[in-house]
Amino acid sequence: MKFKQIKYIGLLGIALISLNSCNDIDLDATPYDSVAVVDGIQNLSSATASVDGLYDLLYRRDYYGRELMVTPEVAADNILVSPSNSGRYLRQYQYSVLPTDGAVSGVWNNSYKNINAANTILNFSANATDATPAQLDEINGHAYAIRGMAHFDLVRTYAFPYSTTDASVATGANGSGGHLGVPLLTTYGQARHTPRSTVADVYTQIIADLQQAISLLPATAADKNSKFNKSAVQALLAKVYLYKEDYPNAYTTAKTVIDSGVYSLATNATYMSNWDGLMESDVILQLPATTNDNNGFDSLGSIYVNLGDDGNGGYGDLIPTTDILNLYSATDVRKNWFRDESGVMYNFKFANSWTSAIPVLRLSEVYLILAEAAAMGGGNITEGQKALDKVRQVADPSVPATTSTGAVLLAEVKVERRKELAFEGHRLYDIVRWKESVNRTQVASPSTIATVTYPDYRMVWPLPQSEVDSNDNIANNNIGY
């Protein structure tokens, strides 16, 4: 039998909750600011604090705070590791990630911490007897949304996409999610040594959770768009459908978000200022950072810039490739993301090194989801063309309206996704779900891998070695690791 060292951790506000039982749980010493789980949610105030804890977890460095935003870019073709780098992201860049790497376990553990925290809320939220039915619905709605999101992040990081057919990289692959995904944790106190579910079963649960969240959350946008509301979950659901290649549902769900009128795109005149720290338009869900609440040198902007506009320093480790720079025309406002400083071109999309908000979902992405789904036959082609034009013409009003259909329209959408969503954690996920290869036209050194041909096993991460060692129901890691 494998040695069990399984930890259940849920954040309730600022309190770290350690759960103790006889079910193969090895506990850390109780921290001074922890509370017993039976006391964790007793009223509306503590329930609300527990929801805040879910979003705090998203902002951690080994989740959306940096890792999940950077690795899909550095492992693809948008980023060149600077010759003067500090040693960060070299494994991801060189496709030499190991099951024992801290990043591999960090994303895994933080995702499951959020899932466990969500399950804790769903189990104990009824204790908040001073909450109105609407308030209780909202509390549970956030938990369902975060649980669905975390499972989605896990399955797209540690497993090949839903439609994978090549069993040489994913045992059981049949084009319909028959290969192994990740363990599904859907109940409070569920053992972490749960077997891996199929990708199909994981997607079924994700969609069910998000649909439940939509039914519970209010339509009104949250303050600073820093939490899910109904439309924000619909935007995530449209993305899930796109990854599943359920194009009709991706189209109709994206259109629902656009037609809701809750969000609006930036204008060409306000586009650049919209990236100055906290986004005011286009954003559907963001994780704000402030002067007194940020990840410091572990912040997203810090990995890209040498000195941020907020006066804070950075590593400047990862610089844009000539390939991505050349995609932007001279009249494209997004060209202003890049600055030449002492002969080095830096990416200033997140110009405030420590205090730029993390954009998790944006309206421009939803427009591009609609356009891609339409190009793939999932909806009205004219609406798809208009959606693509909306995004392109905000950035560059001189771009003519597209008349393309089918494969040509899809190719245009792919280029626009690369340009508009650059450095936001999409690129490798897109390449893999499109079943394409990574082709780098510029590399850091002669030894750098220039081409990774789909379906290379290294296009998805291994499970953490600690999970394989401790979980009786996981006999082997992903193929190749």
Protein backbone atom coordinates (compact mmCIF):
# COMPACT_ATOMS: atom_id res chain seq x y z
CA MET A 1 0.00 0.00 0.00
CA LYS A 2 1.19 3.50 -0.81
CA PHE A 3 1.97 5.87 2.02
CA LYS A 4 -0.84 8.36 2.42
CA GLN A 5 -0.09 11.97 3.08
CA ILE A 6 -3.24 13.70 1.94
CA LYS A 7 -4.16 17.18 3.10
CA TYR A 8 -7.54 18.85 2.93
CA ILE A 9 -7.24 22.58 3.05
CA GLY A 10 -10.05 25.09 2.66
CA LEU A 11 -9.69 28.82 3.01
CA LEU A 12 -12.45 30.48 4.97
CA GLY A 13 -11.64 34.13 4.56
CA ILE A 14 -8.21 34.52 6.07
CA ALA A 15 -8.60 31.40 8.17
CA LEU A 16 -6.90 28.17 7.17
CA ILE A 17 -9.03 25.22 8.12
CA SER A 18 -7.40 21.88 8.85
CA LEU A 19 -9.78 18.96 8.71
CA ASN A 20 -9.08 15.96 10.90
CA SER A 21 -10.62 12.53 10.64
CA CYS A 22 -9.56 8.91 10.43
CA ASN A 23 -9.69 8.80 6.63
CA ASP A 24 -5.98 8.68 5.79
CA ILE A 25 -5.41 12.36 6.48
CA ASP A 26 -2.05 13.53 7.72
CA LEU A 27 -2.44 16.93 9.35
CA ASP A 28 -0.17 19.91 9.64
CA ALA A 29 0.05 21.56 13.04
CA THR A 30 -2.89 23.91 13.48
CA PRO A 31 -1.79 27.45 12.59
CA TYR A 32 -2.50 30.21 15.07
CA ASP A 33 -5.13 31.84 12.87
CA SER A 34 -7.05 28.67 12.02
CA VAL A 35 -10.51 27.77 13.22
CA ALA A 36 -12.22 24.45 13.74
CA VAL A 37 -14.28 23.47 10.72
CA VAL A 38 -17.45 23.20 12.83
CA ASP A 39 -17.00 26.88 13.69
CA GLY A 40 -15.89 27.96 10.21
CA ILE A 41 -19.30 28.94 8.81
CA GLN A 42 -21.81 29.95 11.44
CA ASN A 43 -23.36 33.09 9.98
CA LEU A 44 -23.54 35.30 6.90
CA SER A 45 -20.32 37.10 7.80
CA SER A 46 -18.21 33.95 8.04
CA ALA A 47 -19.84 32.48 4.94
CA THR A 48 -19.01 35.63 2.97
CA ALA A 49 -15.45 35.52 4.28
CA SER A 50 -15.15 31.92 3.09
CA VAL A 51 -16.17 32.99 -0.41
CA ASP A 52 -13.50 35.69 -0.34
CA GLY A 53 -11.05 32.92 0.49
CA LEU A 54 -11.90 31.11 -2.75
CA TYR A 55 -10.88 34.13 -4.80
CA ASP A 56 -7.78 34.70 -2.69
CA LEU A 57 -6.65 31.20 -3.65
CA LEU A 58 -7.05 32.02 -7.35
CA TYR A 59 -4.52 34.84 -6.95
CA ARG A 60 -1.74 32.62 -5.61
CA ARG A 61 1.50 32.51 -7.60
CA ASP A 62 1.01 28.83 -8.40
CA TYR A 63 -2.42 29.43 -9.84
CA TYR A 64 -3.75 32.42 -11.79
CA GLY A 65 -1.39 34.75 -9.95
CA ARG A 66 1.36 33.72 -12.38
CA GLU A 67 1.89 30.05 -13.21
CA LEU A 68 -1.30 29.34 -15.13
CA MET A 69 -0.89 32.61 -17.02
CA VAL A 70 2.78 32.18 -17.95
CA THR A 71 3.42 28.47 -18.63
CA PRO A 72 1.01 28.19 -21.62
CA GLU A 73 2.83 31.15 -23.18
CA VAL A 74 6.45 30.24 -22.43
CA ALA A 75 5.88 26.66 -23.62
CA ALA A 76 4.57 27.90 -26.95
CA ASP A 77 5.80 30.51 -29.44
CA ASN A 78 5.07 33.93 -27.92
CA ILE A 79 8.00 34.13 -25.53
CA LEU A 80 11.77 34.05 -25.67
CA VAL A 81 13.66 33.47 -22.43
CA SER A 82 16.03 36.37 -21.94
CA PRO A 83 19.75 35.48 -22.01
CA SER A 84 20.04 37.30 -18.67
CA ASN A 85 17.16 35.40 -17.08
CA SER A 86 17.05 34.53 -13.40
CA GLY A 87 16.45 30.81 -14.04
CA ARG A 88 12.66 30.90 -13.88
CA TYR A 89 10.48 28.96 -16.35
CA LEU A 90 13.44 27.24 -18.01
CA ARG A 91 11.92 23.77 -17.63
CA GLN A 92 8.63 24.91 -19.15
CA TYR A 93 10.47 26.63 -21.98
CA GLN A 94 12.71 23.64 -22.71
CA TYR A 95 9.96 21.02 -22.38
CA SER A 96 11.84 19.32 -19.56
CA VAL A 97 9.12 19.50 -16.90
CA LEU A 98 9.34 16.72 -14.31
CA PRO A 99 6.68 15.21 -12.03
CA THR A 100 8.74 16.39 -9.05
CA ASP A 101 8.77 20.05 -10.12
CA GLY A 102 7.31 22.55 -7.68
CA ALA A 103 5.19 24.20 -10.38
CA VAL A 104 3.56 20.87 -11.26
CA SER A 105 2.56 20.19 -7.67
CA GLY A 106 1.79 23.86 -6.99
CA VAL A 107 -0.95 24.21 -9.61
CA TRP A 108 -2.35 20.79 -8.69
CA ASN A 109 -2.44 21.49 -4.95
CA ASN A 110 -3.84 25.01 -5.23
CA SER A 111 -6.58 23.82 -7.57
CA TYR A 112 -7.61 21.05 -5.17
CA LYS A 113 -7.38 23.40 -2.20
CA ASN A 114 -9.96 25.55 -3.95
CA ILE A 115 -12.12 22.53 -4.75
CA ASN A 116 -11.98 21.38 -1.13
CA ALA A 117 -12.77 24.90 0.07
CA ALA A 118 -15.77 25.02 -2.29
CA ASN A 119 -16.98 21.66 -1.01
CA THR A 120 -16.60 22.93 2.56
CA ILE A 121 -18.78 25.94 1.77
CA LEU A 122 -21.45 23.83 0.09
CA ASN A 123 -21.53 21.49 3.08
CA PHE A 124 -21.70 24.12 5.83
CA SER A 125 -23.35 27.16 4.19
CA ALA A 126 -26.73 26.20 5.65
CA ASN A 127 -25.25 27.12 9.06
CA ALA A 128 -25.59 30.77 8.03
CA THR A 129 -29.15 31.01 9.30
CA ASP A 130 -29.07 34.82 9.23
CA ALA A 131 -28.62 34.79 5.44
CA THR A 132 -31.60 35.41 3.18
CA PRO A 133 -32.39 32.75 0.56
CA ALA A 134 -30.87 35.01 -2.13
CA GLN A 135 -27.70 35.51 -0.10
CA LEU A 136 -27.39 31.78 0.52
CA ASP A 137 -27.88 31.11 -3.20
CA GLU A 138 -25.08 33.52 -4.01
CA ILE A 139 -22.70 31.94 -1.51
CA ASN A 140 -23.34 28.49 -2.96
CA GLY A 141 -23.19 29.86 -6.50
CA HIS A 142 -19.64 31.07 -5.98
CA ALA A 143 -18.65 27.67 -4.62
CA TYR A 144 -20.10 25.83 -7.62
CA ALA A 145 -18.44 28.28 -10.04
CA ILE A 146 -15.02 27.95 -8.44
CA ARG A 147 -15.27 24.18 -8.18
CA GLY A 148 -16.16 23.93 -11.86
CA MET A 149 -13.39 26.31 -12.82
CA ALA A 150 -10.73 24.46 -10.81
CA HIS A 151 -11.66 21.09 -12.31
CA PHE A 152 -11.51 22.69 -15.77
CA ASP A 153 -8.06 24.13 -15.11
CA LEU A 154 -6.87 20.74 -13.89
CA VAL A 155 -8.22 18.70 -16.79
CA ARG A 156 -6.83 21.02 -19.47
CA THR A 157 -3.42 21.12 -17.79
CA TYR A 158 -2.91 17.47 -16.81
CA ALA A 159 -4.79 15.70 -19.62
CA PHE A 160 -5.09 15.89 -23.39
CA PRO A 161 -8.21 17.56 -24.82
CA TYR A 162 -11.65 15.99 -24.97
CA SER A 163 -11.47 15.04 -28.67
CA THR A 164 -8.05 13.35 -28.50
CA THR A 165 -7.91 10.12 -30.50
CA ASP A 166 -4.25 9.16 -30.18
CA ALA A 167 -3.93 6.44 -27.53
CA SER A 168 -0.13 6.65 -27.74
CA VAL A 169 -0.28 9.75 -25.55
CA ALA A 170 -3.55 9.14 -23.71
CA THR A 171 -4.70 5.61 -22.93
CA GLY A 172 -8.35 5.18 -23.77
CA ALA A 173 -8.50 8.17 -26.12
CA ASN A 174 -11.50 7.72 -28.41
CA GLY A 175 -12.38 11.22 -29.55
CA SER A 176 -15.08 11.51 -26.90
CA GLY A 177 -13.13 12.01 -23.69
CA GLY A 178 -12.53 8.33 -22.97
CA HIS A 179 -8.98 8.86 -21.68
CA LEU A 180 -8.00 9.60 -18.11
CA GLY A 181 -8.49 13.08 -16.74
CA VAL A 182 -8.15 14.03 -13.07
CA PRO A 183 -9.79 12.96 -9.80
CA LEU A 184 -13.24 14.48 -9.29
CA LEU A 185 -13.86 15.82 -5.79
CA THR A 186 -17.49 16.76 -5.36
CA THR A 187 -18.31 16.13 -1.72
CA TYR A 188 -17.00 17.45 1.57
CA GLY A 189 -14.43 15.17 3.18
CA GLN A 190 -13.98 13.08 0.03
CA ALA A 191 -10.66 11.25 0.04
CA ARG A 192 -7.99 12.83 -2.13
CA HIS A 193 -6.87 9.31 -3.07
CA THR A 194 -9.81 9.18 -5.48
CA PRO A 195 -9.14 7.55 -8.86
CA ARG A 196 -8.84 9.62 -12.01
CA SER A 197 -12.12 10.09 -13.83
CA THR A 198 -12.30 10.11 -17.59
CA VAL A 199 -12.05 13.44 -19.33
CA ALA A 200 -15.68 13.00 -20.42
CA ASP A 201 -16.85 12.56 -16.82
CA VAL A 202 -14.80 15.57 -15.68
CA TYR A 203 -16.39 17.75 -18.37
CA THR A 204 -19.86 16.50 -17.41
CA GLN A 205 -19.24 17.59 -13.81
CA ILE A 206 -17.73 20.93 -14.83
CA ILE A 207 -20.73 21.77 -16.98
CA ALA A 208 -23.17 20.69 -14.25
CA ASP A 209 -21.39 22.84 -11.66
CA LEU A 210 -21.33 25.90 -13.91
CA GLN A 211 -24.98 25.50 -14.85
CA GLN A 212 -25.86 25.27 -11.17
CA ALA A 213 -23.81 28.40 -10.46
CA ILE A 214 -25.64 30.26 -13.23
CA SER A 215 -28.97 29.38 -11.61
CA LEU A 216 -27.83 30.72 -8.21
CA LEU A 217 -25.72 33.81 -8.86
CA PRO A 218 -27.11 37.32 -9.44
CA ALA A 219 -26.99 39.01 -12.83
CA THR A 220 -25.40 42.17 -11.45
CA ALA A 221 -21.66 42.45 -12.00
CA ALA A 222 -19.51 42.24 -8.87
CA ASP A 223 -17.49 45.20 -7.62
CA LYS A 224 -14.44 45.63 -9.91
CA ASN A 225 -15.63 42.43 -11.67
CA SER A 226 -13.60 40.59 -9.04
CA LYS A 227 -16.10 37.75 -8.51
CA PHE A 228 -18.35 35.61 -10.64
CA ASN A 229 -21.86 36.69 -11.48
CA LYS A 230 -24.32 34.92 -13.79
CA SER A 231 -22.81 36.27 -17.02
CA ALA A 232 -19.25 35.62 -15.90
CA VAL A 233 -20.04 31.96 -15.32
CA GLN A 234 -21.73 31.83 -18.72
CA ALA A 235 -18.51 33.20 -20.24
CA LEU A 236 -16.54 30.41 -18.57
CA LEU A 237 -19.11 27.86 -19.68
CA ALA A 238 -18.79 29.06 -23.28
CA LYS A 239 -15.05 28.48 -22.98
CA VAL A 240 -15.60 24.98 -21.59
CA TYR A 241 -17.93 24.15 -24.50
CA LEU A 242 -15.31 25.47 -26.94
CA TYR A 243 -12.62 23.23 -25.44
CA LYS A 244 -15.03 20.29 -25.62
CA GLU A 245 -15.69 21.17 -29.28
CA ASP A 246 -19.39 21.51 -28.60
CA TYR A 247 -19.64 24.41 -30.99
CA PRO A 248 -23.43 24.99 -30.97
CA ASN A 249 -23.43 25.38 -27.19
CA ALA A 250 -20.25 27.45 -27.27
CA TYR A 251 -21.91 29.79 -29.78
CA THR A 252 -25.24 30.20 -28.00
CA THR A 253 -23.65 30.61 -24.56
CA ALA A 254 -21.16 33.20 -25.82
CA LYS A 255 -23.99 35.06 -27.57
CA THR A 256 -25.97 35.09 -24.33
CA VAL A 257 -23.09 36.85 -22.57
CA ILE A 258 -22.66 39.39 -25.37
CA ASP A 259 -26.38 40.08 -25.65
CA SER A 260 -26.75 40.53 -21.88
CA GLY A 261 -25.22 44.00 -22.12
CA VAL A 262 -23.55 43.58 -18.74
CA TYR A 263 -20.09 44.15 -20.25
CA SER A 264 -18.67 46.32 -23.02
CA LEU A 265 -15.47 46.29 -25.03
CA ALA A 266 -12.87 49.01 -24.65
CA THR A 267 -12.65 51.58 -27.40
CA ASN A 268 -9.57 52.18 -29.48
CA ALA A 269 -8.97 55.42 -27.57
CA THR A 270 -9.21 53.74 -24.15
CA TYR A 271 -7.63 50.41 -25.02
CA MET A 272 -4.16 51.06 -23.62
CA SER A 273 -5.29 52.89 -20.50
CA ASN A 274 -7.54 49.92 -19.76
CA TRP A 275 -4.38 47.94 -18.97
CA ASP A 276 -3.12 50.42 -16.37
CA GLY A 277 -3.55 48.25 -13.31
CA LEU A 278 -7.28 47.65 -12.81
CA MET A 279 -9.30 47.01 -15.98
CA GLU A 280 -12.39 49.20 -16.31
CA SER A 281 -13.90 47.76 -19.52
CA ASP A 282 -13.83 44.49 -21.46
CA VAL A 283 -13.13 42.58 -18.24
CA ILE A 284 -15.58 39.93 -17.04
CA LEU A 285 -13.52 38.45 -14.19
CA GLN A 286 -10.26 39.87 -12.86
CA LEU A 287 -8.15 39.42 -9.74
CA PRO A 288 -7.21 42.91 -8.52
CA ALA A 289 -3.86 43.71 -6.97
CA THR A 290 -3.19 46.73 -4.80
CA THR A 291 -0.17 48.42 -3.29
CA ASN A 292 -0.77 46.57 -0.04
CA ASP A 293 -2.05 43.29 -1.44
CA ASN A 294 0.04 41.76 -4.22
CA ASN A 295 2.46 38.95 -4.98
CA GLY A 296 5.53 41.21 -5.04
CA PHE A 297 8.31 39.84 -7.22
CA ASP A 298 6.13 36.78 -7.83
CA SER A 299 3.52 38.96 -9.58
CA LEU A 300 2.60 38.36 -13.20
CA GLY A 301 3.97 41.67 -14.49
CA SER A 302 7.25 41.19 -12.68
CA ILE A 303 8.30 38.23 -14.81
CA TYR A 304 8.00 40.34 -17.98
CA VAL A 305 9.27 43.84 -17.14
CA ASN A 306 12.52 45.12 -15.70
CA LEU A 307 10.83 48.08 -13.97
CA GLY A 308 7.08 48.50 -13.73
CA ASP A 309 5.09 51.68 -14.19
CA ASP A 310 4.12 51.35 -10.52
CA GLY A 311 7.79 51.84 -9.59
CA ASN A 312 8.34 48.24 -8.58
CA GLY A 313 11.09 46.10 -10.00
CA GLY A 314 10.84 42.98 -12.07
CA TYR A 315 12.92 40.17 -13.49
CA GLY A 316 12.34 40.91 -17.18
CA ASP A 317 13.03 37.22 -17.78
CA LEU A 318 10.54 36.59 -20.57
CA ILE A 319 10.58 38.75 -23.66
CA PRO A 320 8.29 38.65 -26.71
CA THR A 321 9.47 36.81 -29.81
CA THR A 322 9.96 38.64 -33.07
CA ASP A 323 7.25 36.32 -34.36
CA ILE A 324 4.57 37.76 -32.07
CA LEU A 325 5.82 41.33 -32.43
CA ASN A 326 5.51 41.15 -36.22
CA LEU A 327 1.85 40.13 -36.02
CA TYR A 328 0.83 43.65 -34.97
CA SER A 329 0.54 46.23 -37.73
CA ALA A 330 1.87 49.76 -37.31
CA THR A 331 -1.71 50.99 -36.77
CA ASP A 332 -2.58 48.35 -34.16
CA VAL A 333 -2.85 49.98 -30.72
CA ARG A 334 -1.67 46.76 -29.10
CA LYS A 335 1.79 47.42 -30.51
CA ASN A 336 2.12 49.85 -27.61
CA TRP A 337 2.31 46.91 -25.20
CA PHE A 338 5.96 46.54 -26.20
CA ARG A 339 8.79 48.86 -25.26
CA ASP A 340 12.42 48.94 -26.29
CA GLU A 341 14.56 49.67 -23.25
CA SER A 342 18.32 49.72 -23.79
CA GLY A 343 18.02 47.50 -26.81
CA VAL A 344 15.73 44.92 -25.21
CA MET A 345 12.07 44.69 -26.20
CA TYR A 346 9.93 44.06 -23.12
CA ASN A 347 6.28 43.07 -22.83
CA PHE A 348 4.41 45.77 -20.88
CA LYS A 349 0.91 44.34 -21.25
CA PHE A 350 0.95 44.11 -17.45
CA ALA A 351 2.79 47.39 -17.04
CA ASN A 352 2.43 47.67 -13.27
CA SER A 353 4.97 45.11 -12.20
CA TRP A 354 3.28 44.25 -8.90
CA THR A 355 -0.12 45.89 -9.10
CA SER A 356 -1.63 44.88 -12.45
CA ALA A 357 -4.90 43.01 -12.13
CA ILE A 358 -4.97 39.45 -13.48
CA PRO A 359 -7.50 39.20 -16.35
CA VAL A 360 -9.15 35.77 -16.06
CA LEU A 361 -12.07 36.30 -18.46
CA ARG A 362 -12.59 39.12 -20.94
CA LEU A 363 -15.43 40.06 -23.27
CA SER A 364 -13.06 40.06 -26.24
CA GLU A 365 -12.41 36.38 -25.58
CA VAL A 366 -16.14 35.71 -25.59
CA TYR A 367 -16.46 37.44 -28.98
CA LEU A 368 -13.65 35.23 -30.28
CA ILE A 369 -15.32 32.12 -28.86
CA LEU A 370 -18.47 33.03 -30.77
CA ALA A 371 -16.46 33.66 -33.94
CA GLU A 372 -14.59 30.36 -33.69
CA ALA A 373 -17.75 28.40 -32.95
CA ALA A 374 -19.47 29.97 -35.95
CA ALA A 375 -16.50 29.18 -38.20
CA MET A 376 -16.78 25.55 -37.05
CA GLY A 377 -20.45 25.40 -38.02
CA GLY A 378 -21.90 26.01 -34.57
CA GLY A 379 -23.83 29.17 -35.35
CA ASN A 380 -24.64 32.01 -37.74
CA ILE A 381 -21.60 32.76 -39.88
CA THR A 382 -22.48 36.46 -40.27
CA GLU A 383 -22.60 36.85 -36.49
CA GLY A 384 -19.25 35.10 -36.29
CA GLN A 385 -17.73 37.50 -38.79
CA LYS A 386 -19.12 40.49 -36.90
CA ALA A 387 -17.73 39.16 -33.64
CA LEU A 388 -14.24 38.84 -35.10
CA ASP A 389 -14.48 42.32 -36.62
CA LYS A 390 -15.49 43.80 -33.25
CA VAL A 391 -12.28 42.64 -31.63
CA ARG A 392 -9.98 43.45 -34.55
CA GLN A 393 -11.40 46.90 -35.18
CA VAL A 394 -11.17 48.00 -31.56
CA ALA A 395 -7.43 47.38 -31.78
CA ASP A 396 -7.04 48.68 -35.34
CA PRO A 397 -9.99 50.56 -36.90
CA SER A 398 -8.33 50.37 -40.32
CA VAL A 399 -8.84 46.60 -40.53
CA PRO A 400 -11.53 45.86 -43.16
CA ALA A 401 -14.55 43.74 -42.30
CA THR A 402 -14.03 40.08 -43.00
CA THR A 403 -16.00 38.17 -45.60
CA SER A 404 -14.29 34.87 -44.90
CA THR A 405 -16.09 31.66 -44.05
CA GLY A 406 -15.14 28.15 -42.98
CA ALA A 407 -11.46 27.31 -42.76
CA VAL A 408 -10.34 30.80 -43.78
CA LEU A 409 -12.45 32.45 -41.09
CA LEU A 410 -11.13 29.95 -38.56
CA ALA A 411 -7.56 30.80 -39.53
CA GLU A 412 -8.31 34.49 -39.01
CA VAL A 413 -9.81 33.79 -35.60
CA LYS A 414 -6.74 31.80 -34.61
CA VAL A 415 -4.45 34.69 -35.49
CA GLU A 416 -6.64 37.14 -33.61
CA ARG A 417 -6.73 34.95 -30.52
CA ARG A 418 -2.95 34.91 -30.53
CA LYS A 419 -2.78 38.69 -30.85
CA GLU A 420 -5.58 39.75 -28.51
CA LEU A 421 -5.08 37.16 -25.79
CA ALA A 422 -1.28 37.09 -25.88
CA PHE A 423 0.40 36.51 -22.49
CA GLU A 424 -2.93 35.72 -20.80
CA GLY A 425 -2.39 31.97 -20.50
CA HIS A 426 -4.12 30.73 -23.67
CA ARG A 427 -1.53 29.96 -26.30
CA LEU A 428 -0.43 26.36 -25.62
CA TYR A 429 -3.95 25.32 -24.65
CA ASP A 430 -5.16 26.67 -28.00
CA ILE A 431 -2.41 24.94 -29.99
CA VAL A 432 -3.12 21.60 -28.33
CA ARG A 433 -6.91 21.74 -28.66
CA TRP A 434 -6.45 22.67 -32.34
CA LYS A 435 -4.16 19.62 -32.65
CA GLU A 436 -1.36 21.75 -34.01
CA SER A 437 2.39 21.74 -33.37
CA VAL A 438 4.49 24.33 -31.59
CA ASN A 439 6.78 25.95 -34.15
CA ARG A 440 9.26 28.46 -32.79
CA THR A 441 10.90 30.66 -35.39
CA GLN A 442 13.12 32.25 -32.74
CA VAL A 443 14.77 30.44 -29.85
CA ALA A 444 16.98 31.44 -26.95
CA SER A 445 19.91 29.18 -27.88
CA PRO A 446 20.87 26.47 -30.39
CA SER A 447 19.90 23.82 -27.84
CA THR A 448 16.36 25.18 -27.41
CA ILE A 449 13.62 22.96 -28.79
CA ALA A 450 12.24 24.70 -31.87
CA THR A 451 9.46 22.29 -32.82
CA VAL A 452 7.14 20.18 -30.70
CA THR A 453 4.99 18.06 -32.96
CA TYR A 454 1.42 17.28 -31.92
CA PRO A 455 0.64 15.05 -30.08
CA ASP A 456 3.86 15.17 -28.08
CA TYR A 457 3.27 13.81 -24.57
CA ARG A 458 5.02 16.89 -23.14
CA MET A 459 2.17 19.12 -24.30
CA VAL A 460 0.38 18.23 -21.06
CA TRP A 461 1.90 18.16 -17.62
CA PRO A 462 2.59 15.05 -15.59
CA LEU A 463 0.68 14.46 -12.41
CA PRO A 464 2.74 15.44 -9.36
CA GLN A 465 4.94 12.56 -8.26
CA SER A 466 3.69 13.06 -4.70
CA GLU A 467 0.15 12.30 -5.90
CA VAL A 468 1.19 9.19 -7.80
CA ASP A 469 3.17 7.95 -4.78
CA SER A 470 0.40 8.53 -2.26
CA ASN A 471 -2.68 7.61 -4.27
CA ASP A 472 -3.48 3.88 -4.32
CA ASN A 473 -5.83 4.47 -7.24
CA ILE A 474 -3.25 6.05 -9.55
CA ALA A 475 -0.86 3.34 -10.70
CA ASN A 476 1.03 5.33 -13.33
CA ASN A 477 1.70 8.88 -14.39
CA ASN A 478 0.76 10.32 -17.77
CA ILE A 479 2.35 8.48 -20.68
CA GLY A 480 5.95 9.54 -21.22
CA TYR A 481 6.62 10.69 -17.65
